[in-house]
């Protein structure tokens, strides 16, 4: 799967205004959800002969020679602090060089079964837990574009260190915004299954750029610096 993305930051003082603008553009109210993200450092590369079933998220050629950071993501209910869905595994490639109008990167994202989750548990040889955060999010859909306005919160240091997948979800009052100013992250993303299909790729990019133009003067959508989205493990 391939993603094309644009980003922005929204200060707290403009959060409600931007929500109203997006509701008008998308002709719908946002879906409210909260996602928990666990971040792992890969400690062992996928063997070329390992099958996808029962193995870690599939590696693309650009990442095959170097370990990378992976995520486990699930939706949770902050009111009950219960899990609402299964864990999804996500691996992201370094964005393509030379693409200046949007972030362009390949990703592997899929629902994980129990045998795959075992590779992420403490004491395993594939992944090492690094950190986690929780992100209350307002999500809109505009044609094929998924828009997320979220504010990530970090858990207290040490929470979930023994086995993060089984640790309880903490109330938001026990967490701190990752950005102390409370700024929201704005992400606009369109996906294509086959990046080699030039017609679909051009359509996706055109739709994203048209959305950017539509929001001019309200939200300044930008291309994030490529290396700031590098998920490869440094020094590996």
C-alpha atoms as a PDB file:
ATOM      1  CA  UNK A   1       0.000   0.000   0.000  1.00  0.00           C
ATOM      2  CA  UNK A   2       1.188   3.549  -0.714  1.00  0.00           C
ATOM      3  CA  UNK A   3       0.302   6.808   1.018  1.00  0.00           C
ATOM      4  CA  UNK A   4       0.427  10.427  -0.096  1.00  0.00           C
ATOM      5  CA  UNK A   5       0.287  12.877   2.811  1.00  0.00           C
ATOM      6  CA  UNK A   6       0.266  16.543   3.737  1.00  0.00           C
ATOM      7  CA  UNK A   7       0.600  17.923   7.265  1.00  0.00           C
ATOM      8  CA  UNK A   8      -0.053  21.027   9.306  1.00  0.00           C
ATOM      9  CA  UNK A   9      -0.206  22.170  12.918  1.00  0.00           C
ATOM     10  CA  UNK A  10      -3.276  23.755  14.466  1.00  0.00           C
ATOM     11  CA  UNK A  11      -2.952  25.824  17.665  1.00  0.00           C
ATOM     12  CA  UNK A  12      -5.438  25.243  20.456  1.00  0.00           C
ATOM     13  CA  UNK A  13      -7.070  28.620  19.804  1.00  0.00           C
ATOM     14  CA  UNK A  14      -8.026  27.559  16.257  1.00  0.00           C
ATOM     15  CA  UNK A  15      -9.046  23.960  16.935  1.00  0.00           C
ATOM     16  CA  UNK A  16     -12.818  24.519  16.999  1.00  0.00           C
ATOM     17  CA  UNK A  17     -12.664  26.857  14.017  1.00  0.00           C
ATOM     18  CA  UNK A  18     -10.792  24.288  11.922  1.00  0.00           C
ATOM     19  CA  UNK A  19     -13.310  21.603  12.914  1.00  0.00           C
ATOM     20  CA  UNK A  20     -16.141  23.824  11.656  1.00  0.00           C
ATOM     21  CA  UNK A  21     -14.272  24.474   8.387  1.00  0.00           C
ATOM     22  CA  UNK A  22     -13.674  20.770   7.826  1.00  0.00           C
ATOM     23  CA  UNK A  23     -17.303  19.955   8.623  1.00  0.00           C
ATOM     24  CA  UNK A  24     -18.321  22.371   5.883  1.00  0.00           C
ATOM     25  CA  UNK A  25     -15.787  21.099   3.334  1.00  0.00           C
ATOM     26  CA  UNK A  26     -16.584  17.433   4.032  1.00  0.00           C
ATOM     27  CA  UNK A  27     -20.340  18.007   4.517  1.00  0.00           C
ATOM     28  CA  UNK A  28     -20.284  15.884   7.660  1.00  0.00           C
ATOM     29  CA  UNK A  29     -19.388  15.972  11.319  1.00  0.00           C
ATOM     30  CA  UNK A  30     -16.177  14.271  12.478  1.00  0.00           C
ATOM     31  CA  UNK A  31     -15.909  10.770  13.840  1.00  0.00           C
ATOM     32  CA  UNK A  32     -14.401  10.930  17.320  1.00  0.00           C
ATOM     33  CA  UNK A  33     -11.982   8.170  18.228  1.00  0.00           C
ATOM     34  CA  UNK A  34      -8.921   7.532  20.372  1.00  0.00           C
ATOM     35  CA  UNK A  35      -5.999   5.389  19.263  1.00  0.00           C
ATOM     36  CA  UNK A  36      -3.261   3.846  21.374  1.00  0.00           C
ATOM     37  CA  UNK A  37       0.113   3.558  19.640  1.00  0.00           C
ATOM     38  CA  UNK A  38       2.874   1.253  20.891  1.00  0.00           C
ATOM     39  CA  UNK A  39       6.285   1.849  19.315  1.00  0.00           C
ATOM     40  CA  UNK A  40       8.796  -0.980  18.923  1.00  0.00           C
ATOM     41  CA  UNK A  41      12.370  -1.132  17.665  1.00  0.00           C
ATOM     42  CA  UNK A  42      13.042  -4.042  15.351  1.00  0.00           C
ATOM     43  CA  UNK A  43      15.911  -6.174  16.650  1.00  0.00           C
ATOM     44  CA  UNK A  44      15.876  -8.901  14.018  1.00  0.00           C
ATOM     45  CA  UNK A  45      15.303  -8.601  10.290  1.00  0.00           C
ATOM     46  CA  UNK A  46      12.741 -10.688   8.479  1.00  0.00           C
ATOM     47  CA  UNK A  47      14.402 -13.640   6.748  1.00  0.00           C
ATOM     48  CA  UNK A  48      13.806 -13.756   3.019  1.00  0.00           C
ATOM     49  CA  UNK A  49      12.224 -17.186   3.360  1.00  0.00           C
ATOM     50  CA  UNK A  50       9.863 -16.287   6.219  1.00  0.00           C
ATOM     51  CA  UNK A  51       6.217 -16.433   5.226  1.00  0.00           C
ATOM     52  CA  UNK A  52       3.942 -13.481   5.919  1.00  0.00           C
ATOM     53  CA  UNK A  53       1.630 -15.615   8.034  1.00  0.00           C
ATOM     54  CA  UNK A  54       2.993 -15.771  11.558  1.00  0.00           C
ATOM     55  CA  UNK A  55       5.811 -13.328  10.840  1.00  0.00           C
ATOM     56  CA  UNK A  56       6.322  -9.654  11.584  1.00  0.00           C
ATOM     57  CA  UNK A  57       4.947  -6.924   9.260  1.00  0.00           C
ATOM     58  CA  UNK A  58       6.322  -7.420   5.758  1.00  0.00           C
ATOM     59  CA  UNK A  59       9.479  -5.464   4.936  1.00  0.00           C
ATOM     60  CA  UNK A  60       9.890  -3.558   1.698  1.00  0.00           C
ATOM     61  CA  UNK A  61      13.181  -3.587  -0.209  1.00  0.00           C
ATOM     62  CA  UNK A  62      14.202  -0.115   0.975  1.00  0.00           C
ATOM     63  CA  UNK A  63      14.116  -1.266   4.573  1.00  0.00           C
ATOM     64  CA  UNK A  64      15.240  -4.873   4.164  1.00  0.00           C
ATOM     65  CA  UNK A  65      18.870  -4.230   5.087  1.00  0.00           C
ATOM     66  CA  UNK A  66      18.224  -2.148   8.184  1.00  0.00           C
ATOM     67  CA  UNK A  67      15.998  -2.563  11.255  1.00  0.00           C
ATOM     68  CA  UNK A  68      13.169  -0.075  11.622  1.00  0.00           C
ATOM     69  CA  UNK A  69      10.571   1.128  14.107  1.00  0.00           C
ATOM     70  CA  UNK A  70       7.146  -0.509  13.963  1.00  0.00           C
ATOM     71  CA  UNK A  71       3.830   0.337  15.606  1.00  0.00           C
ATOM     72  CA  UNK A  72       0.997  -1.607  17.134  1.00  0.00           C
ATOM     73  CA  UNK A  73      -2.199   0.466  17.042  1.00  0.00           C
ATOM     74  CA  UNK A  74      -5.670  -0.128  18.459  1.00  0.00           C
ATOM     75  CA  UNK A  75      -8.749   1.945  19.163  1.00  0.00           C
ATOM     76  CA  UNK A  76      -9.700   2.422  22.820  1.00  0.00           C
ATOM     77  CA  UNK A  77     -12.590   3.975  24.746  1.00  0.00           C
ATOM     78  CA  UNK A  78     -11.305   6.659  27.101  1.00  0.00           C
ATOM     79  CA  UNK A  79     -14.501   6.602  29.180  1.00  0.00           C
ATOM     80  CA  UNK A  80     -14.277   2.895  29.995  1.00  0.00           C
ATOM     81  CA  UNK A  81     -10.564   2.522  29.172  1.00  0.00           C
ATOM     82  CA  UNK A  82     -11.398  -0.637  27.229  1.00  0.00           C
ATOM     83  CA  UNK A  83     -10.063  -1.891  23.912  1.00  0.00           C
ATOM     84  CA  UNK A  84     -12.518  -1.397  21.006  1.00  0.00           C
ATOM     85  CA  UNK A  85     -10.683  -3.238  18.261  1.00  0.00           C
ATOM     86  CA  UNK A  86      -7.802  -5.596  17.500  1.00  0.00           C
ATOM     87  CA  UNK A  87      -4.172  -4.574  17.275  1.00  0.00           C
ATOM     88  CA  UNK A  88      -3.047  -3.365  13.862  1.00  0.00           C
ATOM     89  CA  UNK A  89       0.617  -3.681  12.884  1.00  0.00           C
ATOM     90  CA  UNK A  90       2.110  -0.816  10.908  1.00  0.00           C
ATOM     91  CA  UNK A  91       5.510  -0.511   9.220  1.00  0.00           C
ATOM     92  CA  UNK A  92       6.455   2.616   7.252  1.00  0.00           C
ATOM     93  CA  UNK A  93       9.193   3.113   4.685  1.00  0.00           C
ATOM     94  CA  UNK A  94      11.378   6.178   4.386  1.00  0.00           C
ATOM     95  CA  UNK A  95       9.458   8.609   2.115  1.00  0.00           C
ATOM     96  CA  UNK A  96      10.552   8.699  -1.504  1.00  0.00           C
ATOM     97  CA  UNK A  97      13.164  11.268  -2.425  1.00  0.00           C
ATOM     98  CA  UNK A  98      12.488  13.871  -5.090  1.00  0.00           C
ATOM     99  CA  UNK A  99       8.730  14.203  -4.445  1.00  0.00           C
ATOM    100  CA  UNK A 100       8.197  17.824  -3.435  1.00  0.00           C
ATOM    101  CA  UNK A 101       4.401  18.220  -3.525  1.00  0.00           C
ATOM    102  CA  UNK A 102       3.480  15.562  -0.927  1.00  0.00           C
ATOM    103  CA  UNK A 103       5.009  12.939   1.312  1.00  0.00           C
ATOM    104  CA  UNK A 104       5.064   9.710  -0.689  1.00  0.00           C
ATOM    105  CA  UNK A 105       5.773   6.471   1.172  1.00  0.00           C
ATOM    106  CA  UNK A 106       4.988   2.773   1.177  1.00  0.00           C
ATOM    107  CA  UNK A 107       3.402   1.254   4.278  1.00  0.00           C
ATOM    108  CA  UNK A 108       2.373  -2.188   5.430  1.00  0.00           C
ATOM    109  CA  UNK A 109      -0.664  -2.129   7.720  1.00  0.00           C
ATOM    110  CA  UNK A 110      -2.798  -5.089   8.717  1.00  0.00           C
ATOM    111  CA  UNK A 111      -4.673  -6.718  11.592  1.00  0.00           C
ATOM    112  CA  UNK A 112      -2.399  -8.867  13.744  1.00  0.00           C
ATOM    113  CA  UNK A 113      -3.292 -12.343  14.965  1.00  0.00           C
ATOM    114  CA  UNK A 114      -2.116 -13.814  18.262  1.00  0.00           C
ATOM    115  CA  UNK A 115       0.858 -15.642  16.781  1.00  0.00           C
ATOM    116  CA  UNK A 116       2.126 -12.410  15.243  1.00  0.00           C
ATOM    117  CA  UNK A 117       1.591 -10.438  18.446  1.00  0.00           C
ATOM    118  CA  UNK A 118       3.778 -12.938  20.303  1.00  0.00           C
ATOM    119  CA  UNK A 119       6.772 -11.561  18.409  1.00  0.00           C
ATOM    120  CA  UNK A 120       6.192  -8.170  20.054  1.00  0.00           C
ATOM    121  CA  UNK A 121       5.986  -9.451  23.613  1.00  0.00           C
ATOM    122  CA  UNK A 122       8.764  -8.839  26.112  1.00  0.00           C
ATOM    123  CA  UNK A 123      11.524 -11.406  26.003  1.00  0.00           C
ATOM    124  CA  UNK A 124      11.092 -12.059  22.283  1.00  0.00           C
ATOM    125  CA  UNK A 125      13.893 -11.817  19.720  1.00  0.00           C
ATOM    126  CA  UNK A 126      12.131  -9.691  17.100  1.00  0.00           C
ATOM    127  CA  UNK A 127      11.126  -6.390  18.715  1.00  0.00           C
ATOM    128  CA  UNK A 128      11.986  -4.226  21.705  1.00  0.00           C
ATOM    129  CA  UNK A 129       9.369  -1.944  23.244  1.00  0.00           C
ATOM    130  CA  UNK A 130      10.354   1.750  23.125  1.00  0.00           C
ATOM    131  CA  UNK A 131       7.426   3.969  24.053  1.00  0.00           C
ATOM    132  CA  UNK A 132       3.715   4.613  23.620  1.00  0.00           C
ATOM    133  CA  UNK A 133       1.224   7.416  23.254  1.00  0.00           C
ATOM    134  CA  UNK A 134      -2.520   7.890  23.014  1.00  0.00           C
ATOM    135  CA  UNK A 135      -4.165  10.167  20.469  1.00  0.00           C
ATOM    136  CA  UNK A 136      -7.736  11.512  20.772  1.00  0.00           C
ATOM    137  CA  UNK A 137      -8.669  12.237  17.161  1.00  0.00           C
ATOM    138  CA  UNK A 138     -11.344  13.896  15.037  1.00  0.00           C
ATOM    139  CA  UNK A 139     -11.508  12.071  11.701  1.00  0.00           C
ATOM    140  CA  UNK A 140     -13.141  13.310   8.502  1.00  0.00           C
ATOM    141  CA  UNK A 141     -13.430  11.677   5.080  1.00  0.00           C
ATOM    142  CA  UNK A 142     -13.475  13.842   1.948  1.00  0.00           C
ATOM    143  CA  UNK A 143     -13.867  11.721  -1.186  1.00  0.00           C
ATOM    144  CA  UNK A 144     -10.796   9.441  -0.926  1.00  0.00           C
ATOM    145  CA  UNK A 145      -8.901  11.608   1.565  1.00  0.00           C
ATOM    146  CA  UNK A 146      -8.829  10.749   5.264  1.00  0.00           C
ATOM    147  CA  UNK A 147      -8.257  13.816   7.464  1.00  0.00           C
ATOM    148  CA  UNK A 148      -7.158  13.490  11.074  1.00  0.00           C
ATOM    149  CA  UNK A 149      -6.920  16.243  13.645  1.00  0.00           C
ATOM    150  CA  UNK A 150      -5.310  14.787  16.749  1.00  0.00           C
ATOM    151  CA  UNK A 151      -3.366  15.693  19.889  1.00  0.00           C
ATOM    152  CA  UNK A 152      -1.042  12.900  21.092  1.00  0.00           C
ATOM    153  CA  UNK A 153      -0.495  12.348  24.821  1.00  0.00           C
ATOM    154  CA  UNK A 154       2.417  10.420  26.326  1.00  0.00           C
ATOM    155  CA  UNK A 155       1.951   7.941  29.164  1.00  0.00           C
ATOM    156  CA  UNK A 156       3.968   8.358  32.376  1.00  0.00           C
ATOM    157  CA  UNK A 157       7.496   6.974  32.119  1.00  0.00           C
ATOM    158  CA  UNK A 158       7.641   3.275  32.928  1.00  0.00           C
ATOM    159  CA  UNK A 159       3.944   2.580  32.318  1.00  0.00           C
ATOM    160  CA  UNK A 160       3.586  -0.752  30.523  1.00  0.00           C
ATOM    161  CA  UNK A 161       7.293  -1.496  30.646  1.00  0.00           C
ATOM    162  CA  UNK A 162       6.757  -5.123  31.751  1.00  0.00           C
ATOM    163  CA  UNK A 163       4.226  -5.956  29.038  1.00  0.00           C
ATOM    164  CA  UNK A 164       2.814  -2.900  27.235  1.00  0.00           C
ATOM    165  CA  UNK A 165       0.137  -4.789  25.296  1.00  0.00           C
ATOM    166  CA  UNK A 166      -1.506  -5.916  28.543  1.00  0.00           C
ATOM    167  CA  UNK A 167      -1.066  -2.692  30.549  1.00  0.00           C
ATOM    168  CA  UNK A 168      -4.282  -0.792  31.393  1.00  0.00           C
ATOM    169  CA  UNK A 169      -5.208   2.332  29.443  1.00  0.00           C
ATOM    170  CA  UNK A 170      -4.744   5.342  31.716  1.00  0.00           C
ATOM    171  CA  UNK A 171      -7.189   8.268  31.954  1.00  0.00           C
ATOM    172  CA  UNK A 172      -6.150  11.283  29.914  1.00  0.00           C
ATOM    173  CA  UNK A 173      -5.668  13.277  33.139  1.00  0.00           C
ATOM    174  CA  UNK A 174      -2.684  11.045  33.972  1.00  0.00           C
ATOM    175  CA  UNK A 175      -1.005  11.755  30.619  1.00  0.00           C
ATOM    176  CA  UNK A 176       0.778  14.787  29.166  1.00  0.00           C
ATOM    177  CA  UNK A 177       0.523  16.298  25.670  1.00  0.00           C
ATOM    178  CA  UNK A 178       3.554  15.323  23.570  1.00  0.00           C
ATOM    179  CA  UNK A 179       3.693  18.982  22.494  1.00  0.00           C
ATOM    180  CA  UNK A 180       3.579  21.065  25.713  1.00  0.00           C
ATOM    181  CA  UNK A 181       1.823  23.889  23.854  1.00  0.00           C
ATOM    182  CA  UNK A 182      -1.118  21.559  23.160  1.00  0.00           C
ATOM    183  CA  UNK A 183      -0.894  22.027  19.394  1.00  0.00           C
ATOM    184  CA  UNK A 184      -2.943  19.636  17.249  1.00  0.00           C
ATOM    185  CA  UNK A 185      -1.509  17.615  14.381  1.00  0.00           C
ATOM    186  CA  UNK A 186      -3.397  17.893  11.088  1.00  0.00           C
ATOM    187  CA  UNK A 187      -2.859  15.027   8.624  1.00  0.00           C
ATOM    188  CA  UNK A 188      -4.455  14.576   5.197  1.00  0.00           C
ATOM    189  CA  UNK A 189      -3.837  11.175   3.607  1.00  0.00           C
ATOM    190  CA  UNK A 190      -4.893   9.389   0.450  1.00  0.00           C
ATOM    191  CA  UNK A 191      -3.925   5.784  -0.247  1.00  0.00           C
ATOM    192  CA  UNK A 192      -3.459   3.648  -3.335  1.00  0.00           C
ATOM    193  CA  UNK A 193      -3.002  -0.114  -3.325  1.00  0.00           C
ATOM    194  CA  UNK A 194      -0.786  -0.230  -6.421  1.00  0.00           C
ATOM    195  CA  UNK A 195       1.643   2.677  -6.786  1.00  0.00           C
ATOM    196  CA  UNK A 196       2.666   1.304 -10.192  1.00  0.00           C
ATOM    197  CA  UNK A 197      -0.794   2.136 -11.512  1.00  0.00           C
ATOM    198  CA  UNK A 198      -0.032   5.630 -12.843  1.00  0.00           C
ATOM    199  CA  UNK A 199      -3.703   6.490 -13.371  1.00  0.00           C
ATOM    200  CA  UNK A 200      -4.610   5.812  -9.742  1.00  0.00           C
ATOM    201  CA  UNK A 201      -1.466   7.539  -8.492  1.00  0.00           C
ATOM    202  CA  UNK A 202      -2.148  10.691 -10.514  1.00  0.00           C
ATOM    203  CA  UNK A 203      -5.766  10.706  -9.382  1.00  0.00           C
ATOM    204  CA  UNK A 204      -4.759  10.368  -5.711  1.00  0.00           C
ATOM    205  CA  UNK A 205      -2.146  13.101  -5.922  1.00  0.00           C
ATOM    206  CA  UNK A 206      -4.500  15.399  -7.819  1.00  0.00           C
ATOM    207  CA  UNK A 207      -7.222  14.930  -5.217  1.00  0.00           C
ATOM    208  CA  UNK A 208      -4.830  15.704  -2.365  1.00  0.00           C
ATOM    209  CA  UNK A 209      -3.501  18.859  -4.036  1.00  0.00           C
ATOM    210  CA  UNK A 210      -7.036  20.034  -4.843  1.00  0.00           C
ATOM    211  CA  UNK A 211      -7.908  19.615  -1.150  1.00  0.00           C
ATOM    212  CA  UNK A 212      -4.825  21.628  -0.196  1.00  0.00           C
ATOM    213  CA  UNK A 213      -5.925  24.441  -2.501  1.00  0.00           C
ATOM    214  CA  UNK A 214      -9.450  24.304  -1.101  1.00  0.00           C
ATOM    215  CA  UNK A 215      -8.083  24.931   2.413  1.00  0.00           C
ATOM    216  CA  UNK A 216      -5.769  27.786   1.426  1.00  0.00           C
ATOM    217  CA  UNK A 217      -6.157  30.656   3.877  1.00  0.00           C
ATOM    218  CA  UNK A 218      -7.608  28.358   6.526  1.00  0.00           C
ATOM    219  CA  UNK A 219      -5.025  25.582   6.984  1.00  0.00           C
ATOM    220  CA  UNK A 220      -1.511  25.700   5.547  1.00  0.00           C
ATOM    221  CA  UNK A 221      -0.829  22.132   4.433  1.00  0.00           C
ATOM    222  CA  UNK A 222       2.848  21.298   3.944  1.00  0.00           C
ATOM    223  CA  UNK A 223       5.213  18.494   3.028  1.00  0.00           C
ATOM    224  CA  UNK A 224       7.025  17.241   6.123  1.00  0.00           C
ATOM    225  CA  UNK A 225      10.818  17.084   5.900  1.00  0.00           C
ATOM    226  CA  UNK A 226      11.637  13.645   4.513  1.00  0.00           C
ATOM    227  CA  UNK A 227      14.203  12.551   7.095  1.00  0.00           C
ATOM    228  CA  UNK A 228      11.958  13.592   9.973  1.00  0.00           C
ATOM    229  CA  UNK A 229       9.749  10.658   8.936  1.00  0.00           C
ATOM    230  CA  UNK A 230      12.632   8.163   8.731  1.00  0.00           C
ATOM    231  CA  UNK A 231      11.604   5.059  10.712  1.00  0.00           C
ATOM    232  CA  UNK A 232      14.935   3.244  10.380  1.00  0.00           C
ATOM    233  CA  UNK A 233      16.768   2.436  13.593  1.00  0.00           C
ATOM    234  CA  UNK A 234      19.797   4.686  13.918  1.00  0.00           C
ATOM    235  CA  UNK A 235      23.187   3.068  14.373  1.00  0.00           C
ATOM    236  CA  UNK A 236      21.877  -0.384  13.477  1.00  0.00           C
END
